[in-house]
Amino acid sequence: MPFISTAQRVPVGPGTLYVAPLGTTEPTSVTGQWAAGWVAVGFTDKGNDRSWKPTYQAVSVDEELWPLRQVPDMYEGSVAFSMAEITVQNTVLAYNGGITTTQAAGVMGTNPDGSQWVEPPLPGAEIRVMIGWDAAFEGSAPGNTTPLLGRTIYRQCIQTGEVKGSHQKGNNKYLYTVTFSFEKPSTGLNPFRDIFPASVAT
């Protein structure tokens, strides 16, 4: 059978990132709007990077040079990105304060002049979130020049990266660079799911 290639299988573009409280309804298709509760992260810098690393240990015996088998020891994974929109919402998210109605107590408030303050949650009060990625822009099907490669849901994440920012002259942006590490969801489901269109099934 000859190999058939198509541009539909070559991903380009950063897509759209969303965040939601744990247990928010997940998408079940590759098009359409995301369910209530999913909030767009906004502009990012240099897209997003996903990492998934399985660690195995070799079972060996004295009589063989090769291991008899590899047994799983740990799975690790994360999604990392830099938020370019420095908002109260994204600041709370970077500090593990949660999102929308599930924010931790005491992480934000309003001053008498209407300005808002933000603080990290107390140790042990961090809020886990769901992260979603969509190849399309805000749920709409892209045009012919942008392949539609589906969606990904990360079901339980906590921000484990170092949040650093630098105010510089010129066009250097102040960013929140975050790394959301995956945990085993309390639902018992896998930590993440990829959804692909039927057109890239093979």
C-alpha atoms as a PDB file:
ATOM      1  CA  MET A   1       0.000   0.000   0.000  1.00  0.00           C
ATOM      2  CA  PRO A   2       1.585   3.330  -1.016  1.00  0.00           C
ATOM      3  CA  PHE A   3       2.207   5.981   1.589  1.00  0.00           C
ATOM      4  CA  ILE A   4      -0.225   8.865   1.238  1.00  0.00           C
ATOM      5  CA  SER A   5       0.684  12.170   2.829  1.00  0.00           C
ATOM      6  CA  THR A   6      -1.472  15.234   3.397  1.00  0.00           C
ATOM      7  CA  ALA A   7      -0.962  18.683   4.846  1.00  0.00           C
ATOM      8  CA  GLN A   8      -3.824  17.975   7.262  1.00  0.00           C
ATOM      9  CA  ARG A   9      -1.381  15.915   9.338  1.00  0.00           C
ATOM     10  CA  VAL A  10       1.249  18.632   9.711  1.00  0.00           C
ATOM     11  CA  PRO A  11       0.473  20.798  12.776  1.00  0.00           C
ATOM     12  CA  VAL A  12       1.162  24.526  12.793  1.00  0.00           C
ATOM     13  CA  GLY A  13       0.174  27.374  15.053  1.00  0.00           C
ATOM     14  CA  PRO A  14      -0.181  27.685  18.837  1.00  0.00           C
ATOM     15  CA  GLY A  15      -3.934  27.071  19.005  1.00  0.00           C
ATOM     16  CA  THR A  16      -6.006  28.309  21.948  1.00  0.00           C
ATOM     17  CA  LEU A  17      -5.472  27.477  25.620  1.00  0.00           C
ATOM     18  CA  TYR A  18      -8.293  27.224  28.144  1.00  0.00           C
ATOM     19  CA  VAL A  19      -8.471  26.660  31.884  1.00  0.00           C
ATOM     20  CA  ALA A  20     -11.381  25.388  33.980  1.00  0.00           C
ATOM     21  CA  PRO A  21     -12.269  24.116  37.451  1.00  0.00           C
ATOM     22  CA  LEU A  22     -11.887  20.379  38.058  1.00  0.00           C
ATOM     23  CA  GLY A  23     -14.857  18.389  36.816  1.00  0.00           C
ATOM     24  CA  THR A  24     -15.852  20.838  34.075  1.00  0.00           C
ATOM     25  CA  THR A  25     -17.545  19.186  31.069  1.00  0.00           C
ATOM     26  CA  GLU A  26     -14.996  18.029  28.528  1.00  0.00           C
ATOM     27  CA  PRO A  27     -15.375  18.469  24.766  1.00  0.00           C
ATOM     28  CA  THR A  28     -16.383  15.355  22.846  1.00  0.00           C
ATOM     29  CA  SER A  29     -15.683  16.678  19.348  1.00  0.00           C
ATOM     30  CA  VAL A  30     -13.001  18.647  17.543  1.00  0.00           C
ATOM     31  CA  THR A  31     -15.231  21.616  16.689  1.00  0.00           C
ATOM     32  CA  GLY A  32     -17.729  23.799  18.469  1.00  0.00           C
ATOM     33  CA  GLN A  33     -17.578  26.018  21.518  1.00  0.00           C
ATOM     34  CA  TRP A  34     -16.131  24.740  24.771  1.00  0.00           C
ATOM     35  CA  ALA A  35     -18.611  24.118  27.581  1.00  0.00           C
ATOM     36  CA  ALA A  36     -19.442  26.670  30.262  1.00  0.00           C
ATOM     37  CA  GLY A  37     -16.637  26.952  32.795  1.00  0.00           C
ATOM     38  CA  TRP A  38     -13.758  26.919  30.313  1.00  0.00           C
ATOM     39  CA  VAL A  39     -11.982  30.299  30.248  1.00  0.00           C
ATOM     40  CA  ALA A  40      -9.503  31.343  27.540  1.00  0.00           C
ATOM     41  CA  VAL A  41      -5.994  32.048  28.827  1.00  0.00           C
ATOM     42  CA  GLY A  42      -5.472  34.688  26.147  1.00  0.00           C
ATOM     43  CA  PHE A  43      -2.319  35.617  24.248  1.00  0.00           C
ATOM     44  CA  THR A  44       0.785  33.495  24.835  1.00  0.00           C
ATOM     45  CA  ASP A  45       4.419  33.696  23.787  1.00  0.00           C
ATOM     46  CA  LYS A  46       6.005  30.860  21.780  1.00  0.00           C
ATOM     47  CA  GLY A  47       3.025  28.544  22.054  1.00  0.00           C
ATOM     48  CA  ASN A  48       2.895  25.680  24.553  1.00  0.00           C
ATOM     49  CA  ASP A  49       5.005  22.596  25.192  1.00  0.00           C
ATOM     50  CA  ARG A  50       3.705  19.248  26.414  1.00  0.00           C
ATOM     51  CA  SER A  51       5.905  16.661  28.053  1.00  0.00           C
ATOM     52  CA  TRP A  52       5.036  13.049  28.915  1.00  0.00           C
ATOM     53  CA  LYS A  53       7.756  10.833  30.355  1.00  0.00           C
ATOM     54  CA  PRO A  54       7.226   7.203  31.397  1.00  0.00           C
ATOM     55  CA  THR A  55       9.908   5.749  33.679  1.00  0.00           C
ATOM     56  CA  TYR A  56      10.520   1.994  33.625  1.00  0.00           C
ATOM     57  CA  GLN A  57      12.760  -0.286  35.670  1.00  0.00           C
ATOM     58  CA  ALA A  58      14.459  -3.339  34.259  1.00  0.00           C
ATOM     59  CA  VAL A  59      13.802  -6.781  35.732  1.00  0.00           C
ATOM     60  CA  SER A  60      17.099  -8.630  35.474  1.00  0.00           C
ATOM     61  CA  VAL A  61      18.483 -12.021  36.458  1.00  0.00           C
ATOM     62  CA  ASP A  62      22.058 -13.227  36.697  1.00  0.00           C
ATOM     63  CA  GLU A  63      21.665 -15.683  33.838  1.00  0.00           C
ATOM     64  CA  GLU A  64      20.691 -13.101  31.209  1.00  0.00           C
ATOM     65  CA  LEU A  65      22.389  -9.983  29.914  1.00  0.00           C
ATOM     66  CA  TRP A  66      19.165  -8.459  28.645  1.00  0.00           C
ATOM     67  CA  PRO A  67      16.386  -7.552  31.112  1.00  0.00           C
ATOM     68  CA  LEU A  68      13.491  -9.996  31.148  1.00  0.00           C
ATOM     69  CA  ARG A  69      11.040  -7.130  30.948  1.00  0.00           C
ATOM     70  CA  GLN A  70      10.554  -3.464  31.792  1.00  0.00           C
ATOM     71  CA  VAL A  71       8.058  -2.594  34.534  1.00  0.00           C
ATOM     72  CA  PRO A  72       6.527   0.872  34.919  1.00  0.00           C
ATOM     73  CA  ASP A  73       7.760   2.898  37.874  1.00  0.00           C
ATOM     74  CA  MET A  74       6.317   6.385  37.325  1.00  0.00           C
ATOM     75  CA  TYR A  75       4.640   8.583  34.749  1.00  0.00           C
ATOM     76  CA  GLU A  76       5.371  12.302  34.656  1.00  0.00           C
ATOM     77  CA  GLY A  77       3.852  14.959  32.423  1.00  0.00           C
ATOM     78  CA  SER A  78       3.329  18.675  32.114  1.00  0.00           C
ATOM     79  CA  VAL A  79       2.225  21.468  29.816  1.00  0.00           C
ATOM     80  CA  ALA A  80       4.239  24.695  29.832  1.00  0.00           C
ATOM     81  CA  PHE A  81       3.446  28.075  28.315  1.00  0.00           C
ATOM     82  CA  SER A  82       4.060  31.785  28.782  1.00  0.00           C
ATOM     83  CA  MET A  83       1.049  34.012  29.369  1.00  0.00           C
ATOM     84  CA  ALA A  84       1.397  37.397  27.690  1.00  0.00           C
ATOM     85  CA  GLU A  85      -1.803  38.905  29.102  1.00  0.00           C
ATOM     86  CA  ILE A  86      -0.977  39.972  32.657  1.00  0.00           C
ATOM     87  CA  THR A  87      -4.435  40.057  34.218  1.00  0.00           C
ATOM     88  CA  VAL A  88      -5.735  39.402  37.715  1.00  0.00           C
ATOM     89  CA  GLN A  89      -7.175  36.110  36.460  1.00  0.00           C
ATOM     90  CA  ASN A  90      -3.865  34.931  34.972  1.00  0.00           C
ATOM     91  CA  THR A  91      -1.914  36.072  38.030  1.00  0.00           C
ATOM     92  CA  VAL A  92      -4.164  34.039  40.327  1.00  0.00           C
ATOM     93  CA  LEU A  93      -3.803  31.088  37.951  1.00  0.00           C
ATOM     94  CA  ALA A  94       0.012  31.341  37.989  1.00  0.00           C
ATOM     95  CA  TYR A  95      -0.016  31.390  41.799  1.00  0.00           C
ATOM     96  CA  ASN A  96      -2.173  28.214  42.026  1.00  0.00           C
ATOM     97  CA  GLY A  97      -5.094  30.236  43.290  1.00  0.00           C
ATOM     98  CA  GLY A  98      -7.630  28.573  41.003  1.00  0.00           C
ATOM     99  CA  ILE A  99      -9.964  30.011  38.399  1.00  0.00           C
ATOM    100  CA  THR A 100     -13.373  31.762  38.324  1.00  0.00           C
ATOM    101  CA  THR A 101     -15.710  30.533  41.067  1.00  0.00           C
ATOM    102  CA  THR A 102     -13.255  27.991  42.496  1.00  0.00           C
ATOM    103  CA  GLN A 103     -10.566  30.442  43.565  1.00  0.00           C
ATOM    104  CA  ALA A 104      -8.899  29.868  46.915  1.00  0.00           C
ATOM    105  CA  ALA A 105      -9.938  32.127  49.772  1.00  0.00           C
ATOM    106  CA  GLY A 106      -7.928  35.290  50.247  1.00  0.00           C
ATOM    107  CA  VAL A 107      -6.048  35.247  46.931  1.00  0.00           C
ATOM    108  CA  MET A 108      -7.581  38.450  45.579  1.00  0.00           C
ATOM    109  CA  GLY A 109      -9.592  41.447  46.653  1.00  0.00           C
ATOM    110  CA  THR A 110     -10.560  45.010  45.799  1.00  0.00           C
ATOM    111  CA  ASN A 111      -9.061  48.175  47.265  1.00  0.00           C
ATOM    112  CA  PRO A 112     -11.128  51.290  48.076  1.00  0.00           C
ATOM    113  CA  ASP A 113     -10.042  52.930  44.802  1.00  0.00           C
ATOM    114  CA  GLY A 114     -11.246  49.949  42.746  1.00  0.00           C
ATOM    115  CA  SER A 115      -7.801  48.469  42.141  1.00  0.00           C
ATOM    116  CA  GLN A 116      -7.383  44.752  42.814  1.00  0.00           C
ATOM    117  CA  TRP A 117      -4.737  42.946  44.809  1.00  0.00           C
ATOM    118  CA  VAL A 118      -3.515  39.356  44.374  1.00  0.00           C
ATOM    119  CA  GLU A 119      -1.623  37.051  46.748  1.00  0.00           C
ATOM    120  CA  PRO A 120      -0.597  33.384  46.512  1.00  0.00           C
ATOM    121  CA  PRO A 121      -2.808  30.972  48.464  1.00  0.00           C
ATOM    122  CA  LEU A 122      -1.643  29.696  51.826  1.00  0.00           C
ATOM    123  CA  PRO A 123       0.480  26.513  51.682  1.00  0.00           C
ATOM    124  CA  GLY A 124      -1.833  23.552  51.331  1.00  0.00           C
ATOM    125  CA  ALA A 125      -4.672  25.657  49.907  1.00  0.00           C
ATOM    126  CA  GLU A 126      -3.515  25.492  46.286  1.00  0.00           C
ATOM    127  CA  ILE A 127      -6.250  24.844  43.730  1.00  0.00           C
ATOM    128  CA  ARG A 128      -5.849  22.283  40.945  1.00  0.00           C
ATOM    129  CA  VAL A 129      -7.309  23.114  37.527  1.00  0.00           C
ATOM    130  CA  MET A 130      -8.051  21.571  34.160  1.00  0.00           C
ATOM    131  CA  ILE A 131      -6.167  22.816  31.092  1.00  0.00           C
ATOM    132  CA  GLY A 132      -7.551  22.556  27.564  1.00  0.00           C
ATOM    133  CA  TRP A 133      -5.914  23.096  24.195  1.00  0.00           C
ATOM    134  CA  ASP A 134      -7.687  23.596  20.884  1.00  0.00           C
ATOM    135  CA  ALA A 135      -6.007  23.646  17.483  1.00  0.00           C
ATOM    136  CA  ALA A 136      -8.753  26.009  16.327  1.00  0.00           C
ATOM    137  CA  PHE A 137      -9.230  29.613  17.367  1.00  0.00           C
ATOM    138  CA  GLU A 138     -11.839  29.881  20.112  1.00  0.00           C
ATOM    139  CA  GLY A 139     -13.690  26.761  19.005  1.00  0.00           C
ATOM    140  CA  SER A 140     -14.202  27.720  15.348  1.00  0.00           C
ATOM    141  CA  ALA A 141     -13.019  25.562  12.478  1.00  0.00           C
ATOM    142  CA  PRO A 142      -9.908  27.105  10.875  1.00  0.00           C
ATOM    143  CA  GLY A 143      -9.535  27.930   7.209  1.00  0.00           C
ATOM    144  CA  ASN A 144      -7.814  25.858   4.539  1.00  0.00           C
ATOM    145  CA  THR A 145      -4.379  27.180   5.479  1.00  0.00           C
ATOM    146  CA  THR A 146      -4.571  25.929   9.096  1.00  0.00           C
ATOM    147  CA  PRO A 147      -4.822  22.176   9.685  1.00  0.00           C
ATOM    148  CA  LEU A 148      -7.452  21.091  12.190  1.00  0.00           C
ATOM    149  CA  LEU A 149      -5.633  18.711  14.529  1.00  0.00           C
ATOM    150  CA  GLY A 150      -8.060  18.397  17.383  1.00  0.00           C
ATOM    151  CA  ARG A 151      -8.012  19.075  21.099  1.00  0.00           C
ATOM    152  CA  THR A 152      -6.340  17.991  24.310  1.00  0.00           C
ATOM    153  CA  ILE A 153      -7.700  17.943  27.857  1.00  0.00           C
ATOM    154  CA  TYR A 154      -5.413  17.854  30.882  1.00  0.00           C
ATOM    155  CA  ARG A 155      -7.723  16.760  33.687  1.00  0.00           C
ATOM    156  CA  GLN A 156      -5.860  17.718  36.875  1.00  0.00           C
ATOM    157  CA  CYS A 157      -2.917  20.107  36.943  1.00  0.00           C
ATOM    158  CA  ILE A 158      -0.963  22.155  39.454  1.00  0.00           C
ATOM    159  CA  GLN A 159       1.506  24.910  38.607  1.00  0.00           C
ATOM    160  CA  THR A 160       4.978  23.664  39.603  1.00  0.00           C
ATOM    161  CA  GLY A 161       7.244  25.990  37.641  1.00  0.00           C
ATOM    162  CA  GLU A 162       9.169  29.064  38.691  1.00  0.00           C
ATOM    163  CA  VAL A 163       7.159  32.188  37.849  1.00  0.00           C
ATOM    164  CA  LYS A 164       9.584  34.894  36.775  1.00  0.00           C
ATOM    165  CA  GLY A 165       9.018  38.224  35.093  1.00  0.00           C
ATOM    166  CA  SER A 166      11.358  40.838  33.721  1.00  0.00           C
ATOM    167  CA  HIS A 167      10.491  44.460  32.926  1.00  0.00           C
ATOM    168  CA  GLN A 168      12.711  45.546  30.042  1.00  0.00           C
ATOM    169  CA  LYS A 169      12.820  48.334  27.491  1.00  0.00           C
ATOM    170  CA  GLY A 170      11.768  48.026  23.888  1.00  0.00           C
ATOM    171  CA  ASN A 171       9.403  45.299  22.731  1.00  0.00           C
ATOM    172  CA  ASN A 172      10.431  42.770  25.383  1.00  0.00           C
ATOM    173  CA  LYS A 173       7.222  41.487  26.954  1.00  0.00           C
ATOM    174  CA  TYR A 174       6.630  40.827  30.626  1.00  0.00           C
ATOM    175  CA  LEU A 175       5.420  37.231  30.766  1.00  0.00           C
ATOM    176  CA  TYR A 176       4.119  34.703  33.242  1.00  0.00           C
ATOM    177  CA  THR A 177       5.928  31.481  32.308  1.00  0.00           C
ATOM    178  CA  VAL A 178       4.175  28.545  33.957  1.00  0.00           C
ATOM    179  CA  THR A 179       4.484  24.766  34.016  1.00  0.00           C
ATOM    180  CA  PHE A 180       1.372  22.799  34.923  1.00  0.00           C
ATOM    181  CA  SER A 181       2.260  19.280  36.052  1.00  0.00           C
ATOM    182  CA  PHE A 182      -0.247  16.437  35.695  1.00  0.00           C
ATOM    183  CA  GLU A 183      -1.727  14.501  38.604  1.00  0.00           C
ATOM    184  CA  LYS A 184      -3.942  11.421  38.743  1.00  0.00           C
ATOM    185  CA  PRO A 185      -7.521  12.784  38.695  1.00  0.00           C
ATOM    186  CA  SER A 186      -9.784  11.867  41.582  1.00  0.00           C
ATOM    187  CA  THR A 187     -12.221  10.488  38.974  1.00  0.00           C
ATOM    188  CA  GLY A 188      -9.778   7.675  38.216  1.00  0.00           C
ATOM    189  CA  LEU A 189      -9.479   8.735  34.573  1.00  0.00           C
ATOM    190  CA  ASN A 190      -6.172   9.216  32.807  1.00  0.00           C
ATOM    191  CA  PRO A 191      -4.532  12.614  33.385  1.00  0.00           C
ATOM    192  CA  PHE A 192      -4.961  13.681  29.749  1.00  0.00           C
ATOM    193  CA  ARG A 193      -6.862  12.889  26.566  1.00  0.00           C
ATOM    194  CA  ASP A 194      -6.146  13.794  22.930  1.00  0.00           C
ATOM    195  CA  ILE A 195      -9.028  14.176  20.464  1.00  0.00           C
ATOM    196  CA  PHE A 196      -8.230  13.877  16.740  1.00  0.00           C
ATOM    197  CA  PRO A 197     -10.512  14.384  13.716  1.00  0.00           C
ATOM    198  CA  ALA A 198     -11.398  11.303  11.709  1.00  0.00           C
ATOM    199  CA  SER A 199      -9.354  12.633   8.786  1.00  0.00           C
ATOM    200  CA  VAL A 200      -6.067  11.908  10.613  1.00  0.00           C
ATOM    201  CA  ALA A 201      -6.983   8.478  11.961  1.00  0.00           C
ATOM    202  CA  THR A 202      -4.256   6.813   9.891  1.00  0.00           C
END
